[in-house]
PDB file of N, CA and C in Angstrom:
ATOM      1  N   MET A   1     -68.872  34.041 -43.681  1.00  0.00           N
ATOM      2  CA  MET A   1     -70.002  33.601 -42.173  1.00  0.00           C
ATOM      3  C   MET A   1     -68.358  32.476 -42.561  1.00  0.00           C
ATOM      4  N   ASN A   2     -68.489  32.208 -41.319  1.00  0.00           N
ATOM      5  CA  ASN A   2     -67.866  30.513 -40.543  1.00  0.00           C
ATOM      6  C   ASN A   2     -68.770  30.088 -40.760  1.00  0.00           C
ATOM      7  N   LYS A   3     -67.978  28.682 -41.289  1.00  0.00           N
ATOM      8  CA  LYS A   3     -68.448  27.572 -40.936  1.00  0.00           C
ATOM      9  C   LYS A   3     -68.470  26.541 -40.119  1.00  0.00           C
ATOM     10  N   ILE A   4     -68.870  25.703 -39.744  1.00  0.00           N
ATOM     11  CA  ILE A   4     -68.700  25.217 -38.333  1.00  0.00           C
ATOM     12  C   ILE A   4     -69.320  23.599 -39.065  1.00  0.00           C
ATOM     13  N   ARG A   5     -68.655  22.563 -38.046  1.00  0.00           N
ATOM     14  CA  ARG A   5     -68.775  20.987 -39.191  1.00  0.00           C
ATOM     15  C   ARG A   5     -69.809  20.146 -38.201  1.00  0.00           C
ATOM     16  N   VAL A   6     -70.767  20.079 -38.412  1.00  0.00           N
ATOM     17  CA  VAL A   6     -71.584  18.826 -37.835  1.00  0.00           C
ATOM     18  C   VAL A   6     -72.135  17.623 -38.630  1.00  0.00           C
ATOM     19  N   GLU A   7     -72.722  17.104 -37.875  1.00  0.00           N
ATOM     20  CA  GLU A   7     -73.199  15.350 -38.750  1.00  0.00           C
ATOM     21  C   GLU A   7     -74.602  15.320 -38.351  1.00  0.00           C
ATOM     22  N   VAL A   8     -75.006  14.422 -39.240  1.00  0.00           N
ATOM     23  CA  VAL A   8     -76.638  14.416 -39.103  1.00  0.00           C
ATOM     24  C   VAL A   8     -76.153  12.821 -39.755  1.00  0.00           C
ATOM     25  N   ALA A   9     -77.380  12.210 -38.885  1.00  0.00           N
ATOM     26  CA  ALA A   9     -77.126  10.977 -38.802  1.00  0.00           C
ATOM     27  C   ALA A   9     -78.322   9.786 -38.829  1.00  0.00           C
ATOM     28  N   TYR A  10     -78.253   9.274 -39.584  1.00  0.00           N
ATOM     29  CA  TYR A  10     -80.164   8.222 -39.632  1.00  0.00           C
ATOM     30  C   TYR A  10     -79.704   6.745 -38.943  1.00  0.00           C
ATOM     31  N   ALA A  11     -80.354   5.907 -38.868  1.00  0.00           N
ATOM     32  CA  ALA A  11     -80.421   3.819 -38.583  1.00  0.00           C
ATOM     33  C   ALA A  11     -81.232   3.813 -38.515  1.00  0.00           C
ATOM     34  N   LEU A  12     -81.711   2.560 -38.974  1.00  0.00           N
ATOM     35  CA  LEU A  12     -82.350   1.195 -40.072  1.00  0.00           C
ATOM     36  C   LEU A  12     -81.656   0.066 -39.291  1.00  0.00           C
ATOM     37  N   PRO A  13     -82.594  -0.816 -38.269  1.00  0.00           N
ATOM     38  CA  PRO A  13     -81.928  -1.598 -37.610  1.00  0.00           C
ATOM     39  C   PRO A  13     -80.753  -2.743 -38.893  1.00  0.00           C
ATOM     40  N   GLU A  14     -81.142  -2.737 -40.167  1.00  0.00           N
ATOM     41  CA  GLU A  14     -79.874  -3.425 -40.611  1.00  0.00           C
ATOM     42  C   GLU A  14     -79.163  -2.618 -41.191  1.00  0.00           C
ATOM     43  N   LYS A  15     -79.062  -0.780 -41.214  1.00  0.00           N
ATOM     44  CA  LYS A  15     -78.014   0.371 -41.556  1.00  0.00           C
ATOM     45  C   LYS A  15     -78.514   1.353 -40.758  1.00  0.00           C
ATOM     46  N   GLN A  16     -76.852   1.949 -41.419  1.00  0.00           N
ATOM     47  CA  GLN A  16     -77.589   3.108 -40.431  1.00  0.00           C
ATOM     48  C   GLN A  16     -76.243   4.167 -41.706  1.00  0.00           C
ATOM     49  N   LYS A  17     -75.612   5.419 -41.441  1.00  0.00           N
ATOM     50  CA  LYS A  17     -75.131   6.248 -42.312  1.00  0.00           C
ATOM     51  C   LYS A  17     -75.566   7.724 -41.637  1.00  0.00           C
ATOM     52  N   ILE A  18     -74.386   8.382 -41.368  1.00  0.00           N
ATOM     53  CA  ILE A  18     -73.702   9.430 -40.917  1.00  0.00           C
ATOM     54  C   ILE A  18     -72.745  10.461 -41.544  1.00  0.00           C
ATOM     55  N   ILE A  19     -73.833  11.507 -41.532  1.00  0.00           N
ATOM     56  CA  ILE A  19     -73.092  12.119 -42.605  1.00  0.00           C
ATOM     57  C   ILE A  19     -72.148  14.038 -41.958  1.00  0.00           C
ATOM     58  N   ALA A  20     -70.772  13.951 -42.532  1.00  0.00           N
ATOM     59  CA  ALA A  20     -70.291  15.238 -41.980  1.00  0.00           C
ATOM     60  C   ALA A  20     -70.686  16.318 -43.118  1.00  0.00           C
ATOM     61  N   LEU A  21     -70.749  17.881 -42.398  1.00  0.00           N
ATOM     62  CA  LEU A  21     -71.058  18.632 -43.516  1.00  0.00           C
ATOM     63  C   LEU A  21     -70.238  20.110 -43.209  1.00  0.00           C
ATOM     64  N   ASP A  22     -69.903  20.591 -43.801  1.00  0.00           N
ATOM     65  CA  ASP A  22     -68.957  22.047 -43.002  1.00  0.00           C
ATOM     66  C   ASP A  22     -70.511  22.733 -43.276  1.00  0.00           C
ATOM     67  N   VAL A  23     -71.443  23.831 -42.904  1.00  0.00           N
ATOM     68  CA  VAL A  23     -72.613  24.101 -42.595  1.00  0.00           C
ATOM     69  C   VAL A  23     -71.856  26.250 -42.300  1.00  0.00           C
ATOM     70  N   GLU A  24     -72.923  27.338 -42.754  1.00  0.00           N
ATOM     71  CA  GLU A  24     -73.057  28.525 -41.679  1.00  0.00           C
ATOM     72  C   GLU A  24     -73.177  28.418 -40.349  1.00  0.00           C
ATOM     73  N   GLU A  25     -72.517  29.309 -39.588  1.00  0.00           N
ATOM     74  CA  GLU A  25     -72.816  29.562 -37.605  1.00  0.00           C
ATOM     75  C   GLU A  25     -74.206  28.710 -37.775  1.00  0.00           C
ATOM     76  N   ASN A  26     -75.354  29.722 -38.720  1.00  0.00           N
ATOM     77  CA  ASN A  26     -76.657  30.303 -38.615  1.00  0.00           C
ATOM     78  C   ASN A  26     -76.814  29.187 -39.194  1.00  0.00           C
ATOM     79  N   CYS A  27     -76.582  28.247 -39.175  1.00  0.00           N
ATOM     80  CA  CYS A  27     -77.526  27.003 -39.974  1.00  0.00           C
ATOM     81  C   CYS A  27     -78.455  26.369 -38.724  1.00  0.00           C
ATOM     82  N   THR A  28     -79.170  26.753 -39.516  1.00  0.00           N
ATOM     83  CA  THR A  28     -80.955  25.571 -38.253  1.00  0.00           C
ATOM     84  C   THR A  28     -80.717  23.688 -38.743  1.00  0.00           C
ATOM     85  N   VAL A  29     -81.237  23.034 -38.167  1.00  0.00           N
ATOM     86  CA  VAL A  29     -80.922  22.359 -37.183  1.00  0.00           C
ATOM     87  C   VAL A  29     -81.663  21.438 -39.471  1.00  0.00           C
ATOM     88  N   ARG A  30     -82.911  21.976 -39.287  1.00  0.00           N
ATOM     89  CA  ARG A  30     -83.547  21.935 -40.495  1.00  0.00           C
ATOM     90  C   ARG A  30     -82.915  22.101 -41.732  1.00  0.00           C
ATOM     91  N   ASP A  31     -82.642  22.822 -42.147  1.00  0.00           N
ATOM     92  CA  ASP A  31     -81.428  23.357 -43.056  1.00  0.00           C
ATOM     93  C   ASP A  31     -80.162  21.774 -43.065  1.00  0.00           C
ATOM     94  N   ALA A  32     -79.169  21.572 -41.737  1.00  0.00           N
ATOM     95  CA  ALA A  32     -78.253  20.525 -42.117  1.00  0.00           C
ATOM     96  C   ALA A  32     -79.215  19.505 -42.703  1.00  0.00           C
ATOM     97  N   VAL A  33     -79.909  19.085 -42.063  1.00  0.00           N
ATOM     98  CA  VAL A  33     -80.955  17.772 -42.098  1.00  0.00           C
ATOM     99  C   VAL A  33     -81.009  17.263 -44.046  1.00  0.00           C
ATOM    100  N   LEU A  34     -81.714  18.506 -44.383  1.00  0.00           N
ATOM    101  CA  LEU A  34     -81.750  18.782 -46.340  1.00  0.00           C
ATOM    102  C   LEU A  34     -80.254  18.690 -46.930  1.00  0.00           C
ATOM    103  N   ARG A  35     -79.774  19.471 -46.129  1.00  0.00           N
ATOM    104  CA  ARG A  35     -78.188  19.512 -47.104  1.00  0.00           C
ATOM    105  C   ARG A  35     -77.258  18.569 -46.776  1.00  0.00           C
ATOM    106  N   SER A  36     -77.407  17.629 -45.749  1.00  0.00           N
ATOM    107  CA  SER A  36     -76.911  16.052 -46.460  1.00  0.00           C
ATOM    108  C   SER A  36     -77.181  15.069 -47.252  1.00  0.00           C
ATOM    109  N   ASN A  37     -78.494  15.573 -47.436  1.00  0.00           N
ATOM    110  CA  ASN A  37     -78.758  14.866 -48.743  1.00  0.00           C
ATOM    111  C   ASN A  37     -79.219  13.269 -48.332  1.00  0.00           C
ATOM    112  N   ILE A  38     -78.979  12.650 -47.112  1.00  0.00           N
ATOM    113  CA  ILE A  38     -79.447  11.944 -46.706  1.00  0.00           C
ATOM    114  C   ILE A  38     -80.788  10.178 -46.915  1.00  0.00           C
ATOM    115  N   ASP A  39     -81.718  11.339 -47.790  1.00  0.00           N
ATOM    116  CA  ASP A  39     -82.850  10.804 -48.096  1.00  0.00           C
ATOM    117  C   ASP A  39     -82.382   9.709 -49.324  1.00  0.00           C
ATOM    118  N   ALA A  40     -81.165  10.099 -49.964  1.00  0.00           N
ATOM    119  CA  ALA A  40     -80.315   9.356 -51.101  1.00  0.00           C
ATOM    120  C   ALA A  40     -80.611   7.639 -51.120  1.00  0.00           C
ATOM    121  N   PHE A  41     -79.651   7.271 -49.587  1.00  0.00           N
ATOM    122  CA  PHE A  41     -79.295   6.456 -48.684  1.00  0.00           C
ATOM    123  C   PHE A  41     -80.330   6.228 -48.395  1.00  0.00           C
ATOM    124  N   PHE A  42     -81.137   6.809 -47.858  1.00  0.00           N
ATOM    125  CA  PHE A  42     -83.452   5.392 -47.259  1.00  0.00           C
ATOM    126  C   PHE A  42     -83.763   6.264 -48.394  1.00  0.00           C
ATOM    127  N   PRO A  43     -84.176   5.555 -48.746  1.00  0.00           N
ATOM    128  CA  PRO A  43     -85.413   6.507 -50.699  1.00  0.00           C
ATOM    129  C   PRO A  43     -86.544   6.237 -49.584  1.00  0.00           C
ATOM    130  N   GLY A  44     -87.765   6.839 -49.291  1.00  0.00           N
ATOM    131  CA  GLY A  44     -88.266   6.813 -48.592  1.00  0.00           C
ATOM    132  C   GLY A  44     -88.621   7.608 -47.541  1.00  0.00           C
ATOM    133  N   LEU A  45     -87.468   8.454 -47.053  1.00  0.00           N
ATOM    134  CA  LEU A  45     -87.162   9.168 -45.391  1.00  0.00           C
ATOM    135  C   LEU A  45     -87.550  10.280 -46.045  1.00  0.00           C
ATOM    136  N   ASP A  46     -89.168  11.321 -45.957  1.00  0.00           N
ATOM    137  CA  ASP A  46     -89.229  12.547 -45.614  1.00  0.00           C
ATOM    138  C   ASP A  46     -88.627  13.698 -45.121  1.00  0.00           C
ATOM    139  N   LEU A  47     -87.560  14.054 -45.016  1.00  0.00           N
ATOM    140  CA  LEU A  47     -86.751  15.483 -44.398  1.00  0.00           C
ATOM    141  C   LEU A  47     -87.191  16.039 -44.038  1.00  0.00           C
ATOM    142  N   GLU A  48     -88.317  16.446 -44.688  1.00  0.00           N
ATOM    143  CA  GLU A  48     -89.252  17.754 -44.441  1.00  0.00           C
ATOM    144  C   GLU A  48     -90.050  17.490 -42.599  1.00  0.00           C
ATOM    145  N   ASN A  49     -90.627  16.528 -42.358  1.00  0.00           N
ATOM    146  CA  ASN A  49     -91.180  16.080 -41.466  1.00  0.00           C
ATOM    147  C   ASN A  49     -91.015  15.200 -40.392  1.00  0.00           C
ATOM    148  N   VAL A  50     -89.344  15.377 -40.468  1.00  0.00           N
ATOM    149  CA  VAL A  50     -88.922  13.642 -39.767  1.00  0.00           C
ATOM    150  C   VAL A  50     -88.318  14.348 -38.629  1.00  0.00           C
ATOM    151  N   LYS A  51     -88.667  13.879 -36.970  1.00  0.00           N
ATOM    152  CA  LYS A  51     -88.335  14.191 -36.121  1.00  0.00           C
ATOM    153  C   LYS A  51     -87.367  14.102 -35.819  1.00  0.00           C
ATOM    154  N   VAL A  52     -86.814  14.645 -35.103  1.00  0.00           N
ATOM    155  CA  VAL A  52     -85.097  14.607 -35.419  1.00  0.00           C
ATOM    156  C   VAL A  52     -84.809  15.235 -33.130  1.00  0.00           C
ATOM    157  N   GLY A  53     -83.221  15.250 -33.079  1.00  0.00           N
ATOM    158  CA  GLY A  53     -82.648  15.472 -32.410  1.00  0.00           C
ATOM    159  C   GLY A  53     -81.187  16.190 -31.667  1.00  0.00           C
ATOM    160  N   ILE A  54     -80.679  16.790 -31.091  1.00  0.00           N
ATOM    161  CA  ILE A  54     -79.541  16.481 -31.255  1.00  0.00           C
ATOM    162  C   ILE A  54     -78.959  15.979 -29.828  1.00  0.00           C
ATOM    163  N   PHE A  55     -77.630  14.862 -30.325  1.00  0.00           N
ATOM    164  CA  PHE A  55     -76.967  13.787 -29.234  1.00  0.00           C
ATOM    165  C   PHE A  55     -77.714  13.400 -28.746  1.00  0.00           C
ATOM    166  N   GLY A  56     -79.199  12.701 -29.408  1.00  0.00           N
ATOM    167  CA  GLY A  56     -81.090  11.857 -28.118  1.00  0.00           C
ATOM    168  C   GLY A  56     -81.635  13.185 -27.164  1.00  0.00           C
ATOM    169  N   LYS A  57     -81.415  13.952 -27.570  1.00  0.00           N
ATOM    170  CA  LYS A  57     -82.331  15.183 -26.919  1.00  0.00           C
ATOM    171  C   LYS A  57     -82.867  15.834 -27.672  1.00  0.00           C
ATOM    172  N   ALA A  58     -84.698  15.962 -28.091  1.00  0.00           N
ATOM    173  CA  ALA A  58     -85.263  16.107 -29.620  1.00  0.00           C
ATOM    174  C   ALA A  58     -85.395  17.525 -29.675  1.00  0.00           C
ATOM    175  N   VAL A  59     -85.488  18.083 -30.824  1.00  0.00           N
ATOM    176  CA  VAL A  59     -85.674  19.132 -30.706  1.00  0.00           C
ATOM    177  C   VAL A  59     -87.321  19.746 -30.609  1.00  0.00           C
ATOM    178  N   ARG A  60     -87.377  20.389 -30.702  1.00  0.00           N
ATOM    179  CA  ARG A  60     -88.821  21.126 -30.466  1.00  0.00           C
ATOM    180  C   ARG A  60     -89.273  21.438 -31.682  1.00  0.00           C
ATOM    181  N   ASN A  61     -88.210  22.642 -32.513  1.00  0.00           N
ATOM    182  CA  ASN A  61     -88.019  23.119 -33.628  1.00  0.00           C
ATOM    183  C   ASN A  61     -87.565  23.004 -34.576  1.00  0.00           C
ATOM    184  N   ALA A  62     -87.045  22.250 -35.628  1.00  0.00           N
ATOM    185  CA  ALA A  62     -85.401  21.494 -36.419  1.00  0.00           C
ATOM    186  C   ALA A  62     -85.612  23.211 -36.834  1.00  0.00           C
ATOM    187  N   ASP A  63     -86.213  24.697 -37.572  1.00  0.00           N
ATOM    188  CA  ASP A  63     -87.056  25.132 -38.215  1.00  0.00           C
ATOM    189  C   ASP A  63     -86.254  26.686 -37.444  1.00  0.00           C
ATOM    190  N   THR A  64     -85.905  26.825 -36.718  1.00  0.00           N
ATOM    191  CA  THR A  64     -85.301  27.256 -36.296  1.00  0.00           C
ATOM    192  C   THR A  64     -84.334  27.269 -35.103  1.00  0.00           C
ATOM    193  N   GLN A  65     -83.982  26.464 -34.709  1.00  0.00           N
ATOM    194  CA  GLN A  65     -82.627  25.978 -33.482  1.00  0.00           C
ATOM    195  C   GLN A  65     -81.379  26.087 -34.591  1.00  0.00           C
ATOM    196  N   THR A  66     -80.524  26.461 -34.475  1.00  0.00           N
ATOM    197  CA  THR A  66     -79.358  26.935 -34.683  1.00  0.00           C
ATOM    198  C   THR A  66     -78.176  26.067 -34.385  1.00  0.00           C
ATOM    199  N   LEU A  67     -77.172  25.242 -35.200  1.00  0.00           N
ATOM    200  CA  LEU A  67     -76.476  24.508 -34.342  1.00  0.00           C
ATOM    201  C   LEU A  67     -75.299  25.320 -33.967  1.00  0.00           C
ATOM    202  N   LYS A  68     -74.354  24.180 -33.164  1.00  0.00           N
ATOM    203  CA  LYS A  68     -73.305  24.766 -32.795  1.00  0.00           C
ATOM    204  C   LYS A  68     -72.301  23.718 -33.404  1.00  0.00           C
ATOM    205  N   GLU A  69     -70.790  24.764 -33.226  1.00  0.00           N
ATOM    206  CA  GLU A  69     -69.500  23.087 -33.855  1.00  0.00           C
ATOM    207  C   GLU A  69     -69.797  21.583 -33.374  1.00  0.00           C
ATOM    208  N   GLY A  70     -69.344  20.566 -33.978  1.00  0.00           N
ATOM    209  CA  GLY A  70     -69.531  19.699 -33.139  1.00  0.00           C
ATOM    210  C   GLY A  70     -70.444  19.047 -33.173  1.00  0.00           C
ATOM    211  N   GLU A  71     -71.652  19.735 -32.993  1.00  0.00           N
ATOM    212  CA  GLU A  71     -73.548  18.617 -32.946  1.00  0.00           C
ATOM    213  C   GLU A  71     -73.892  17.870 -33.497  1.00  0.00           C
ATOM    214  N   ARG A  72     -74.123  16.647 -33.853  1.00  0.00           N
ATOM    215  CA  ARG A  72     -74.495  15.609 -34.778  1.00  0.00           C
ATOM    216  C   ARG A  72     -75.660  15.960 -34.760  1.00  0.00           C
ATOM    217  N   VAL A  73     -77.094  15.998 -35.914  1.00  0.00           N
ATOM    218  CA  VAL A  73     -78.324  15.752 -35.861  1.00  0.00           C
ATOM    219  C   VAL A  73     -78.642  14.565 -36.288  1.00  0.00           C
ATOM    220  N   GLU A  74     -79.386  14.116 -35.043  1.00  0.00           N
ATOM    221  CA  GLU A  74     -79.885  12.544 -35.225  1.00  0.00           C
ATOM    222  C   GLU A  74     -81.941  12.400 -35.773  1.00  0.00           C
ATOM    223  N   ILE A  75     -81.784  12.197 -36.441  1.00  0.00           N
ATOM    224  CA  ILE A  75     -82.847  11.605 -37.484  1.00  0.00           C
ATOM    225  C   ILE A  75     -83.886  10.238 -36.679  1.00  0.00           C
ATOM    226  N   TYR A  76     -84.902  10.660 -36.186  1.00  0.00           N
ATOM    227  CA  TYR A  76     -86.059   9.472 -35.316  1.00  0.00           C
ATOM    228  C   TYR A  76     -86.065   8.811 -36.958  1.00  0.00           C
ATOM    229  N   ARG A  77     -86.611   7.643 -36.457  1.00  0.00           N
ATOM    230  CA  ARG A  77     -87.553   6.719 -37.400  1.00  0.00           C
ATOM    231  C   ARG A  77     -88.775   6.863 -36.283  1.00  0.00           C
ATOM    232  N   GLU A  78     -89.744   6.601 -37.372  1.00  0.00           N
ATOM    233  CA  GLU A  78     -91.277   6.847 -36.270  1.00  0.00           C
ATOM    234  C   GLU A  78     -91.647   4.989 -35.797  1.00  0.00           C
ATOM    235  N   LEU A  79     -92.077   4.726 -34.506  1.00  0.00           N
ATOM    236  CA  LEU A  79     -92.260   3.985 -33.359  1.00  0.00           C
ATOM    237  C   LEU A  79     -93.271   3.076 -34.471  1.00  0.00           C
ATOM    238  N   LYS A  80     -93.198   1.536 -33.954  1.00  0.00           N
ATOM    239  CA  LYS A  80     -93.698   0.504 -35.149  1.00  0.00           C
ATOM    240  C   LYS A  80     -95.168   0.179 -34.116  1.00  0.00           C
ATOM    241  N   VAL A  81     -94.664   0.520 -32.561  1.00  0.00           N
ATOM    242  CA  VAL A  81     -95.934   1.106 -31.259  1.00  0.00           C
ATOM    243  C   VAL A  81     -95.486   1.568 -30.109  1.00  0.00           C
ATOM    244  N   ASP A  82     -96.556   2.007 -30.103  1.00  0.00           N
ATOM    245  CA  ASP A  82     -96.662   3.020 -29.089  1.00  0.00           C
ATOM    246  C   ASP A  82     -95.665   2.401 -27.884  1.00  0.00           C
ATOM    247  N   PRO A  83     -94.847   2.926 -27.094  1.00  0.00           N
ATOM    248  CA  PRO A  83     -94.303   2.672 -25.557  1.00  0.00           C
ATOM    249  C   PRO A  83     -95.298   1.882 -24.384  1.00  0.00           C
ATOM    250  N   LYS A  84     -96.465   2.397 -24.580  1.00  0.00           N
ATOM    251  CA  LYS A  84     -97.635   1.773 -23.709  1.00  0.00           C
ATOM    252  C   LYS A  84     -97.712   0.096 -23.854  1.00  0.00           C
ATOM    253  N   GLN A  85     -98.315   0.032 -25.738  1.00  0.00           N
ATOM    254  CA  GLN A  85     -99.067  -0.783 -26.116  1.00  0.00           C
ATOM    255  C   GLN A  85     -97.202  -2.114 -25.371  1.00  0.00           C
ATOM    256  N   ALA A  86     -96.242  -1.618 -25.949  1.00  0.00           N
ATOM    257  CA  ALA A  86     -95.461  -2.422 -25.988  1.00  0.00           C
ATOM    258  C   ALA A  86     -95.399  -2.853 -24.788  1.00  0.00           C
ATOM    259  N   ARG A  87     -94.808  -2.081 -23.401  1.00  0.00           N
ATOM    260  CA  ARG A  87     -94.866  -2.639 -21.760  1.00  0.00           C
ATOM    261  C   ARG A  87     -95.849  -4.032 -22.093  1.00  0.00           C
ATOM    262  N   ALA A  88     -97.118  -2.844 -22.148  1.00  0.00           N
ATOM    263  CA  ALA A  88     -98.530  -3.793 -22.378  1.00  0.00           C
ATOM    264  C   ALA A  88     -98.540  -5.145 -22.411  1.00  0.00           C
ATOM    265  N   ASN A  89     -97.849  -5.362 -23.705  1.00  0.00           N
ATOM    266  CA  ASN A  89     -97.915  -6.987 -24.660  1.00  0.00           C
ATOM    267  C   ASN A  89     -96.382  -8.209 -24.307  1.00  0.00           C
ATOM    268  N   ARG A  90     -95.735  -7.155 -23.028  1.00  0.00           N
ATOM    269  CA  ARG A  90     -94.919  -7.841 -22.577  1.00  0.00           C
ATOM    270  C   ARG A  90     -95.175  -8.825 -21.288  1.00  0.00           C
ATOM    271  N   ALA A  91     -96.264  -7.074 -20.785  1.00  0.00           N
ATOM    272  CA  ALA A  91     -96.294  -7.947 -19.281  1.00  0.00           C
ATOM    273  C   ALA A  91     -97.654  -8.970 -20.086  1.00  0.00           C
ATOM    274  N   ALA A  92     -98.214  -9.512 -20.663  1.00  0.00           N
ATOM    275  CA  ALA A  92     -99.435 -10.426 -20.650  1.00  0.00           C
ATOM    276  C   ALA A  92     -98.160 -11.225 -21.218  1.00  0.00           C
ATOM    277  N   LYS A  93     -97.440 -11.901 -22.554  1.00  0.00           N
ATOM    278  CA  LYS A  93     -96.997 -12.705 -22.033  1.00  0.00           C
ATOM    279  C   LYS A  93     -96.266 -13.316 -21.047  1.00  0.00           C
ATOM    280  N   SER A  94     -96.035 -11.498 -20.289  1.00  0.00           N
ATOM    281  CA  SER A  94     -94.969 -12.603 -18.861  1.00  0.00           C
ATOM    282  C   SER A  94     -95.630 -13.480 -17.847  1.00  0.00           C
ATOM    283  N   SER A  95     -96.668 -12.967 -17.635  1.00  0.00           N
ATOM    284  CA  SER A  95     -98.188 -13.787 -17.056  1.00  0.00           C
ATOM    285  C   SER A  95     -99.043 -15.127 -17.876  1.00  0.00           C
TER     286      SER A  95
END
């Protein structure tokens, strides 16, 4: 089976990591995330349940979507504050 090269990325405000992987052509997004072992650099990161995207576009089903050569899987952090609430907080501060 042919191999393709992909990357898996995760970042915190103070730390980031991008891991390059050679995977099978039919590798799913979730498989690449799990094979990256990126959680070794970020204890507590639950690779089975994280939300992910490819080049900034959310992936609906990481367990079935397959990757293409050169794609970068991005693991998204949980939001600390709901975006609507954050806007409301900023609006309240400015008035």
